[in-house]
C-alpha atoms as a PDB file:
ATOM      1  CA  MET A   1      47.620  -3.428  36.353  1.00  0.00           C
ATOM      2  CA  THR A   2      45.209  -2.140  33.698  1.00  0.00           C
ATOM      3  CA  THR A   3      46.237  -1.299  30.159  1.00  0.00           C
ATOM      4  CA  VAL A   4      45.697   2.404  30.861  1.00  0.00           C
ATOM      5  CA  LYS A   5      47.946   2.237  33.933  1.00  0.00           C
ATOM      6  CA  LEU A   6      50.609   0.345  31.978  1.00  0.00           C
ATOM      7  CA  LEU A   7      50.598   2.993  29.247  1.00  0.00           C
ATOM      8  CA  ALA A   8      50.794   5.744  31.819  1.00  0.00           C
ATOM      9  CA  ALA A   9      53.717   4.068  33.564  1.00  0.00           C
ATOM     10  CA  ALA A  10      55.548   3.553  30.282  1.00  0.00           C
ATOM     11  CA  THR A  11      54.996   7.168  29.303  1.00  0.00           C
ATOM     12  CA  LEU A  12      56.297   8.378  32.657  1.00  0.00           C
ATOM     13  CA  THR A  13      59.374   6.152  32.359  1.00  0.00           C
ATOM     14  CA  LEU A  14      60.179   7.410  28.873  1.00  0.00           C
ATOM     15  CA  ALA A  15      59.711  11.010  29.973  1.00  0.00           C
ATOM     16  CA  THR A  16      62.049  10.486  32.914  1.00  0.00           C
ATOM     17  CA  ILE A  17      64.724   8.900  30.737  1.00  0.00           C
ATOM     18  CA  ALA A  18      64.406  11.575  28.064  1.00  0.00           C
ATOM     19  CA  SER A  19      64.869  14.340  30.616  1.00  0.00           C
ATOM     20  CA  SER A  20      68.077  12.886  32.034  1.00  0.00           C
ATOM     21  CA  PRO A  21      71.384  14.626  31.134  1.00  0.00           C
ATOM     22  CA  ALA A  22      72.895  11.422  29.730  1.00  0.00           C
ATOM     23  CA  PHE A  23      69.985  10.865  27.394  1.00  0.00           C
ATOM     24  CA  SER A  24      69.951  14.525  26.350  1.00  0.00           C
ATOM     25  CA  GLN A  25      73.623  14.368  25.382  1.00  0.00           C
ATOM     26  CA  GLN A  26      73.177  11.158  23.403  1.00  0.00           C
ATOM     27  CA  SER A  27      70.017  12.263  21.617  1.00  0.00           C
ATOM     28  CA  SER A  28      71.171  15.800  20.776  1.00  0.00           C
ATOM     29  CA  THR A  29      71.644  15.999  17.029  1.00  0.00           C
ATOM     30  CA  MET A  30      72.994  18.402  14.473  1.00  0.00           C
ATOM     31  CA  THR A  31      69.911  18.779  12.288  1.00  0.00           C
ATOM     32  CA  ARG A  32      71.041  21.756  10.202  1.00  0.00           C
ATOM     33  CA  SER A  33      74.453  23.010   9.185  1.00  0.00           C
ATOM     34  CA  THR A  34      73.424  26.656   8.944  1.00  0.00           C
ATOM     35  CA  SER A  35      70.644  29.104   9.705  1.00  0.00           C
ATOM     36  CA  VAL A  36      69.664  28.765   6.043  1.00  0.00           C
ATOM     37  CA  SER A  37      67.121  25.992   5.580  1.00  0.00           C
ATOM     38  CA  SER A  38      68.024  22.831   3.721  1.00  0.00           C
ATOM     39  CA  ASP A  39      65.303  23.565   1.158  1.00  0.00           C
ATOM     40  CA  GLU A  40      66.828  26.973   0.442  1.00  0.00           C
ATOM     41  CA  ILE A  41      70.271  25.456   0.047  1.00  0.00           C
ATOM     42  CA  ARG A  42      68.990  22.818  -2.383  1.00  0.00           C
ATOM     43  CA  SER A  43      67.046  25.450  -4.363  1.00  0.00           C
ATOM     44  CA  VAL A  44      70.322  27.223  -5.137  1.00  0.00           C
ATOM     45  CA  SER A  45      72.901  24.436  -4.980  1.00  0.00           C
ATOM     46  CA  PRO A  46      71.665  20.850  -4.986  1.00  0.00           C
ATOM     47  CA  ALA A  47      75.255  19.656  -4.569  1.00  0.00           C
ATOM     48  CA  LEU A  48      75.760  21.815  -1.464  1.00  0.00           C
ATOM     49  CA  GLY A  49      72.496  20.428  -0.110  1.00  0.00           C
ATOM     50  CA  ARG A  50      73.811  16.899  -0.523  1.00  0.00           C
ATOM     51  CA  TYR A  51      77.152  17.762   1.087  1.00  0.00           C
ATOM     52  CA  GLU A  52      75.332  19.411   3.988  1.00  0.00           C
ATOM     53  CA  LYS A  53      73.297  16.288   4.697  1.00  0.00           C
ATOM     54  CA  GLU A  54      75.876  13.594   3.991  1.00  0.00           C
ATOM     55  CA  ASP A  55      79.154  15.206   5.030  1.00  0.00           C
ATOM     56  CA  VAL A  56      78.316  17.854   7.638  1.00  0.00           C
ATOM     57  CA  VAL A  57      75.179  16.778   9.497  1.00  0.00           C
ATOM     58  CA  GLU A  58      75.491  12.986   9.170  1.00  0.00           C
ATOM     59  CA  GLY A  59      79.276  12.912   8.818  1.00  0.00           C
ATOM     60  CA  LEU A  60      81.306  15.574  10.623  1.00  0.00           C
ATOM     61  CA  TRP A  61      78.984  16.198  13.572  1.00  0.00           C
ATOM     62  CA  ALA A  62      78.509  12.471  14.173  1.00  0.00           C
ATOM     63  CA  ARG A  63      82.231  11.735  14.542  1.00  0.00           C
ATOM     64  CA  PRO A  64      83.094  10.589  18.083  1.00  0.00           C
ATOM     65  CA  GLN A  65      86.537  12.197  18.322  1.00  0.00           C
ATOM     66  CA  LEU A  66      84.971  15.384  19.707  1.00  0.00           C
ATOM     67  CA  SER A  67      81.815  15.624  21.796  1.00  0.00           C
ATOM     68  CA  LEU A  68      78.894  17.652  20.472  1.00  0.00           C
ATOM     69  CA  ARG A  69      79.712  20.223  23.141  1.00  0.00           C
ATOM     70  CA  ASP A  70      83.319  20.543  21.963  1.00  0.00           C
ATOM     71  CA  ARG A  71      82.277  20.756  18.308  1.00  0.00           C
ATOM     72  CA  SER A  72      79.944  23.579  19.294  1.00  0.00           C
ATOM     73  CA  VAL A  73      82.762  25.361  21.142  1.00  0.00           C
ATOM     74  CA  VAL A  74      85.079  25.033  18.141  1.00  0.00           C
ATOM     75  CA  THR A  75      82.438  26.157  15.651  1.00  0.00           C
ATOM     76  CA  VAL A  76      81.297  29.167  17.695  1.00  0.00           C
ATOM     77  CA  ALA A  77      84.919  30.178  18.257  1.00  0.00           C
ATOM     78  CA  THR A  78      85.618  29.854  14.528  1.00  0.00           C
ATOM     79  CA  LEU A  79      82.687  32.057  13.554  1.00  0.00           C
ATOM     80  CA  ILE A  80      83.588  34.710  16.159  1.00  0.00           C
ATOM     81  CA  ALA A  81      87.264  34.672  15.160  1.00  0.00           C
ATOM     82  CA  ARG A  82      86.345  35.162  11.507  1.00  0.00           C
ATOM     83  CA  SER A  83      83.503  37.636  12.245  1.00  0.00           C
ATOM     84  CA  GLN A  84      81.034  35.380  10.430  1.00  0.00           C
ATOM     85  CA  THR A  85      77.984  36.508  12.372  1.00  0.00           C
ATOM     86  CA  ALA A  86      75.237  35.438   9.955  1.00  0.00           C
ATOM     87  CA  ASP A  87      75.232  31.859  11.284  1.00  0.00           C
ATOM     88  CA  LEU A  88      76.329  32.737  14.801  1.00  0.00           C
ATOM     89  CA  PRO A  89      72.781  32.798  16.279  1.00  0.00           C
ATOM     90  CA  HIS A  90      72.190  29.252  15.019  1.00  0.00           C
ATOM     91  CA  TYR A  91      75.456  27.932  16.428  1.00  0.00           C
ATOM     92  CA  MET A  92      75.266  29.791  19.717  1.00  0.00           C
ATOM     93  CA  SER A  93      71.810  28.313  20.304  1.00  0.00           C
ATOM     94  CA  LEU A  94      73.122  24.872  19.344  1.00  0.00           C
ATOM     95  CA  ALA A  95      76.039  25.314  21.751  1.00  0.00           C
ATOM     96  CA  LEU A  96      73.667  26.036  24.628  1.00  0.00           C
ATOM     97  CA  ASP A  97      71.567  23.003  23.649  1.00  0.00           C
ATOM     98  CA  ASN A  98      74.734  20.871  23.534  1.00  0.00           C
ATOM     99  CA  GLY A  99      75.805  21.698  27.066  1.00  0.00           C
ATOM    100  CA  VAL A 100      77.840  24.891  26.811  1.00  0.00           C
ATOM    101  CA  THR A 101      76.700  27.041  29.735  1.00  0.00           C
ATOM    102  CA  PRO A 102      75.859  30.752  29.454  1.00  0.00           C
ATOM    103  CA  LYS A 103      78.900  31.473  31.636  1.00  0.00           C
ATOM    104  CA  GLU A 104      81.145  29.512  29.288  1.00  0.00           C
ATOM    105  CA  LEU A 105      79.695  31.175  26.195  1.00  0.00           C
ATOM    106  CA  SER A 106      80.237  34.579  27.805  1.00  0.00           C
ATOM    107  CA  GLU A 107      83.839  33.686  28.639  1.00  0.00           C
ATOM    108  CA  ILE A 108      84.503  32.412  25.109  1.00  0.00           C
ATOM    109  CA  ILE A 109      83.523  35.822  23.758  1.00  0.00           C
ATOM    110  CA  SER A 110      85.719  37.645  26.286  1.00  0.00           C
ATOM    111  CA  HIS A 111      88.659  35.336  25.589  1.00  0.00           C
ATOM    112  CA  LEU A 112      88.415  35.840  21.843  1.00  0.00           C
ATOM    113  CA  ALA A 113      88.552  39.624  22.242  1.00  0.00           C
ATOM    114  CA  PHE A 114      92.259  39.060  22.882  1.00  0.00           C
ATOM    115  CA  TYR A 115      92.879  36.361  20.278  1.00  0.00           C
ATOM    116  CA  ALA A 116      90.628  37.474  17.427  1.00  0.00           C
ATOM    117  CA  GLY A 117      90.191  41.195  18.052  1.00  0.00           C
ATOM    118  CA  TRP A 118      87.987  43.453  20.115  1.00  0.00           C
ATOM    119  CA  THR A 119      85.441  44.238  17.392  1.00  0.00           C
ATOM    120  CA  ASN A 120      84.957  40.571  16.544  1.00  0.00           C
ATOM    121  CA  ALA A 121      84.089  39.985  20.202  1.00  0.00           C
ATOM    122  CA  THR A 122      81.693  42.917  20.383  1.00  0.00           C
ATOM    123  CA  SER A 123      79.996  41.724  17.192  1.00  0.00           C
ATOM    124  CA  ALA A 124      79.451  38.395  18.947  1.00  0.00           C
ATOM    125  CA  VAL A 125      78.072  40.234  21.989  1.00  0.00           C
ATOM    126  CA  ALA A 126      75.297  41.693  19.836  1.00  0.00           C
ATOM    127  CA  VAL A 127      74.278  38.195  18.746  1.00  0.00           C
ATOM    128  CA  ALA A 128      74.518  36.665  22.217  1.00  0.00           C
ATOM    129  CA  HIS A 129      72.518  39.540  23.718  1.00  0.00           C
ATOM    130  CA  ASP A 130      69.443  38.558  21.685  1.00  0.00           C
ATOM    131  CA  ILE A 131      69.859  34.832  22.386  1.00  0.00           C
ATOM    132  CA  PHE A 132      70.232  35.442  26.122  1.00  0.00           C
ATOM    133  CA  ALA A 133      67.097  37.574  26.057  1.00  0.00           C
ATOM    134  CA  GLU A 134      65.126  34.883  24.209  1.00  0.00           C
ATOM    135  CA  ARG A 135      66.219  32.252  26.748  1.00  0.00           C
ATOM    136  CA  ASN A 136      65.741  34.505  29.797  1.00  0.00           C
ATOM    137  CA  ILE A 137      69.425  34.264  30.669  1.00  0.00           C
ATOM    138  CA  GLY A 138      70.083  36.990  33.212  1.00  0.00           C
ATOM    139  CA  ALA A 139      73.052  38.422  35.062  1.00  0.00           C
ATOM    140  CA  ASP A 140      72.814  35.683  37.695  1.00  0.00           C
ATOM    141  CA  GLN A 141      73.809  33.125  35.011  1.00  0.00           C
ATOM    142  CA  LEU A 142      76.817  35.101  33.751  1.00  0.00           C
ATOM    143  CA  PRO A 143      80.390  35.331  35.070  1.00  0.00           C
ATOM    144  CA  GLU A 144      81.368  38.049  37.497  1.00  0.00           C
ATOM    145  CA  ALA A 145      83.359  40.923  36.046  1.00  0.00           C
ATOM    146  CA  SER A 146      86.102  40.394  38.640  1.00  0.00           C
ATOM    147  CA  PRO A 147      85.865  36.906  40.146  1.00  0.00           C
ATOM    148  CA  ASP A 148      88.386  35.209  42.402  1.00  0.00           C
ATOM    149  CA  LEU A 149      91.065  34.046  39.978  1.00  0.00           C
ATOM    150  CA  MET A 150      92.634  30.609  39.793  1.00  0.00           C
ATOM    151  CA  PRO A 151      96.198  30.252  41.141  1.00  0.00           C
ATOM    152  CA  LEU A 152      99.003  31.446  38.888  1.00  0.00           C
ATOM    153  CA  TYR A 153     101.720  28.922  38.001  1.00  0.00           C
ATOM    154  CA  GLN A 154     104.685  31.155  38.812  1.00  0.00           C
ATOM    155  CA  GLU A 155     107.413  29.152  37.033  1.00  0.00           C
ATOM    156  CA  GLY A 156     105.379  28.868  33.865  1.00  0.00           C
ATOM    157  CA  GLU A 157     104.546  32.573  33.910  1.00  0.00           C
ATOM    158  CA  ALA A 158     108.207  33.490  34.396  1.00  0.00           C
ATOM    159  CA  ALA A 159     109.149  31.306  31.412  1.00  0.00           C
ATOM    160  CA  ARG A 160     106.402  32.901  29.318  1.00  0.00           C
ATOM    161  CA  GLN A 161     107.552  36.425  30.153  1.00  0.00           C
ATOM    162  CA  LYS A 162     111.137  35.514  29.271  1.00  0.00           C
ATOM    163  CA  ALA A 163     109.983  34.095  25.920  1.00  0.00           C
ATOM    164  CA  VAL A 164     108.040  37.286  25.170  1.00  0.00           C
ATOM    165  CA  GLU A 165     111.081  39.410  26.039  1.00  0.00           C
ATOM    166  CA  GLY A 166     113.171  37.309  23.670  1.00  0.00           C
ATOM    167  CA  LEU A 167     110.585  37.691  20.940  1.00  0.00           C
ATOM    168  CA  LEU A 168     109.839  41.416  21.282  1.00  0.00           C
ATOM    169  CA  GLY A 169     112.970  42.824  22.931  1.00  0.00           C
ATOM    170  CA  HIS A 170     112.277  46.495  23.671  1.00  0.00           C
ATOM    171  CA  ALA A 171     110.294  47.049  20.474  1.00  0.00           C
ATOM    172  CA  SER A 172     106.807  47.023  22.003  1.00  0.00           C
ATOM    173  CA  PRO A 173     106.784  47.344  25.787  1.00  0.00           C
ATOM    174  CA  GLY A 174     103.052  48.071  25.739  1.00  0.00           C
ATOM    175  CA  LEU A 175     102.313  44.733  24.071  1.00  0.00           C
ATOM    176  CA  ALA A 176     104.526  42.926  26.586  1.00  0.00           C
ATOM    177  CA  ASP A 177     102.760  44.631  29.499  1.00  0.00           C
ATOM    178  CA  PHE A 178      99.229  43.921  28.262  1.00  0.00           C
ATOM    179  CA  THR A 179     100.199  40.321  27.459  1.00  0.00           C
ATOM    180  CA  THR A 180     101.164  39.867  31.095  1.00  0.00           C
ATOM    181  CA  ASP A 181      98.206  41.759  32.544  1.00  0.00           C
ATOM    182  CA  PRO A 182      95.375  41.393  31.691  1.00  0.00           C
ATOM    183  CA  LEU A 183      95.893  38.438  29.325  1.00  0.00           C
ATOM    184  CA  PHE A 184      97.906  35.881  31.276  1.00  0.00           C
ATOM    185  CA  LYS A 185      97.450  37.198  34.816  1.00  0.00           C
ATOM    186  CA  ASP A 186      93.709  37.720  34.501  1.00  0.00           C
ATOM    187  CA  VAL A 187      91.932  36.334  31.401  1.00  0.00           C
ATOM    188  CA  TRP A 188      93.617  32.916  31.535  1.00  0.00           C
ATOM    189  CA  LEU A 189      92.943  32.630  35.273  1.00  0.00           C
ATOM    190  CA  ARG A 190      89.215  33.359  35.187  1.00  0.00           C
ATOM    191  CA  PRO A 191      87.382  30.337  36.650  1.00  0.00           C
ATOM    192  CA  ASP A 192      84.249  30.080  34.496  1.00  0.00           C
ATOM    193  CA  LEU A 193      85.983  28.563  31.475  1.00  0.00           C
ATOM    194  CA  SER A 194      88.404  25.721  32.176  1.00  0.00           C
ATOM    195  CA  PRO A 195      92.071  26.023  31.082  1.00  0.00           C
ATOM    196  CA  ARG A 196      91.460  23.120  28.706  1.00  0.00           C
ATOM    197  CA  ASP A 197      88.563  24.942  27.043  1.00  0.00           C
ATOM    198  CA  ARG A 198      90.496  28.227  26.894  1.00  0.00           C
ATOM    199  CA  SER A 199      93.213  26.344  25.049  1.00  0.00           C
ATOM    200  CA  LEU A 200      90.612  24.791  22.753  1.00  0.00           C
ATOM    201  CA  VAL A 201      89.221  28.245  21.925  1.00  0.00           C
ATOM    202  CA  THR A 202      92.698  29.704  21.431  1.00  0.00           C
ATOM    203  CA  ILE A 203      94.017  27.075  19.017  1.00  0.00           C
ATOM    204  CA  THR A 204      90.689  27.210  17.166  1.00  0.00           C
ATOM    205  CA  SER A 205      91.078  30.953  16.656  1.00  0.00           C
ATOM    206  CA  LEU A 206      94.663  30.572  15.438  1.00  0.00           C
ATOM    207  CA  MET A 207      93.711  27.814  12.996  1.00  0.00           C
ATOM    208  CA  ALA A 208      90.574  29.543  11.759  1.00  0.00           C
ATOM    209  CA  ASN A 209      92.461  32.695  10.816  1.00  0.00           C
ATOM    210  CA  GLY A 210      95.508  30.929   9.419  1.00  0.00           C
ATOM    211  CA  GLN A 211      97.749  32.308  12.201  1.00  0.00           C
ATOM    212  CA  VAL A 212      99.853  29.195  12.621  1.00  0.00           C
ATOM    213  CA  ALA A 213     103.084  30.894  13.774  1.00  0.00           C
ATOM    214  CA  GLN A 214     101.938  30.690  17.408  1.00  0.00           C
ATOM    215  CA  LEU A 215      99.979  27.460  17.058  1.00  0.00           C
ATOM    216  CA  ALA A 216     102.789  25.078  18.020  1.00  0.00           C
ATOM    217  CA  GLY A 217     103.510  26.954  21.241  1.00  0.00           C
ATOM    218  CA  HIS A 218      99.898  27.142  22.330  1.00  0.00           C
ATOM    219  CA  LEU A 219      99.206  23.531  21.422  1.00  0.00           C
ATOM    220  CA  ASN A 220     102.347  22.037  22.965  1.00  0.00           C
ATOM    221  CA  ASN A 221     102.862  24.237  26.009  1.00  0.00           C
ATOM    222  CA  ARG A 222      99.248  24.805  26.960  1.00  0.00           C
ATOM    223  CA  ALA A 223      96.501  22.835  25.200  1.00  0.00           C
ATOM    224  CA  LEU A 224      97.967  19.359  25.583  1.00  0.00           C
ATOM    225  CA  ASP A 225      99.184  20.146  29.104  1.00  0.00           C
ATOM    226  CA  ASN A 226      95.721  21.499  29.968  1.00  0.00           C
ATOM    227  CA  GLY A 227      93.983  18.236  29.098  1.00  0.00           C
ATOM    228  CA  LEU A 228      93.237  18.355  25.368  1.00  0.00           C
ATOM    229  CA  THR A 229      94.084  14.933  23.927  1.00  0.00           C
ATOM    230  CA  PRO A 230      96.097  14.411  20.721  1.00  0.00           C
ATOM    231  CA  GLU A 231      93.021  12.868  19.072  1.00  0.00           C
ATOM    232  CA  GLN A 232      90.911  15.881  19.992  1.00  0.00           C
ATOM    233  CA  ALA A 233      93.575  18.279  18.707  1.00  0.00           C
ATOM    234  CA  GLY A 234      93.608  16.492  15.372  1.00  0.00           C
ATOM    235  CA  GLU A 235      89.831  16.549  15.161  1.00  0.00           C
ATOM    236  CA  VAL A 236      89.773  20.321  15.689  1.00  0.00           C
ATOM    237  CA  VAL A 237      91.648  20.555  12.382  1.00  0.00           C
ATOM    238  CA  THR A 238      88.907  18.487  10.737  1.00  0.00           C
ATOM    239  CA  GLN A 239      86.178  20.754  12.126  1.00  0.00           C
ATOM    240  CA  ILE A 240      88.129  23.808  10.990  1.00  0.00           C
ATOM    241  CA  ALA A 241      88.192  22.506   7.412  1.00  0.00           C
ATOM    242  CA  PHE A 242      84.418  22.813   7.079  1.00  0.00           C
ATOM    243  CA  TYR A 243      83.967  26.108   8.936  1.00  0.00           C
ATOM    244  CA  ALA A 244      87.126  28.016   7.975  1.00  0.00           C
ATOM    245  CA  GLY A 245      88.069  26.255   4.736  1.00  0.00           C
ATOM    246  CA  TRP A 246      90.484  23.555   3.634  1.00  0.00           C
ATOM    247  CA  PRO A 247      93.477  25.905   3.131  1.00  0.00           C
ATOM    248  CA  ASN A 248      93.382  26.995   6.783  1.00  0.00           C
ATOM    249  CA  ALA A 249      93.020  23.377   7.892  1.00  0.00           C
ATOM    250  CA  PHE A 250      95.964  22.297   5.767  1.00  0.00           C
ATOM    251  CA  SER A 251      98.063  25.167   7.081  1.00  0.00           C
ATOM    252  CA  ALA A 252      97.320  24.030  10.641  1.00  0.00           C
ATOM    253  CA  GLY A 253      97.493  20.278  10.038  1.00  0.00           C
ATOM    254  CA  PRO A 254     101.281  19.941   9.560  1.00  0.00           C
ATOM    255  CA  VAL A 255     101.921  22.084  12.651  1.00  0.00           C
ATOM    256  CA  VAL A 256      99.665  19.862  14.746  1.00  0.00           C
ATOM    257  CA  ALA A 257     101.268  16.741  13.284  1.00  0.00           C
ATOM    258  CA  GLU A 258     104.771  17.975  14.146  1.00  0.00           C
ATOM    259  CA  VAL A 259     103.811  18.872  17.724  1.00  0.00           C
ATOM    260  CA  LEU A 260     102.191  15.494  18.289  1.00  0.00           C
ATOM    261  CA  LYS A 261     105.172  13.692  16.783  1.00  0.00           C
ATOM    262  CA  LYS A 262     107.592  15.470  19.128  1.00  0.00           C
ATOM    263  CA  ARG A 263     105.359  14.808  22.122  1.00  0.00           C
ATOM    264  CA  GLN A 264     105.396  11.090  21.343  1.00  0.00           C
ATOM    265  CA  GLN A 265     109.195  11.089  21.165  1.00  0.00           C
END
């Protein structure tokens, strides 16, 4: 085989490998921690520029306890929950590059309307609208408005309704009704975001906004039962520290530790 043919074959082989999903996942990198350029960060805060490179890009995002996809899910959910839309285009694009599908991104926004507030979700819609347009993501790549729902676990739903009745009594029947339908009899049963990922988004929202009163219940009774591992749950707290601040992470951390301790016992 001639040298030219050898080079051509090698180039073709490398191109084939590089286009494979496995290679794409391994080679995907977190090159920037924000939509602001590294040069701009260093021009204002050299220390922040160093932390960005050493602790966020080369540190946090390289940790193996969460996949790049899951880190993207957690970060996007954090920014939506806190209505921090300035960096949302950067992280939504990164999420799509890291394997989050348009359907999943759409469902994350819908889910967070209930856990972080309607206007936070609609603010995220405005950002996603432009990204979908840039990437030619059309209606055929988005979830149906009313898909066939996953089966409802009747015993678990009955226990949940009883717990809500014990918590609210007759004080807010409207809240109890809407919590049953649409939240738990529709939103949680939609098929285009897995129960595990819905739990991941939910506990992220609670941690990011410092709403830890419901965190133990969601983590113990749903997230861990839905397939989130203890190691992954702990790493969500680490990701939260950088994107929602250390106080929120340290408010969530002891709750997570207590849940995991009881699960081990």
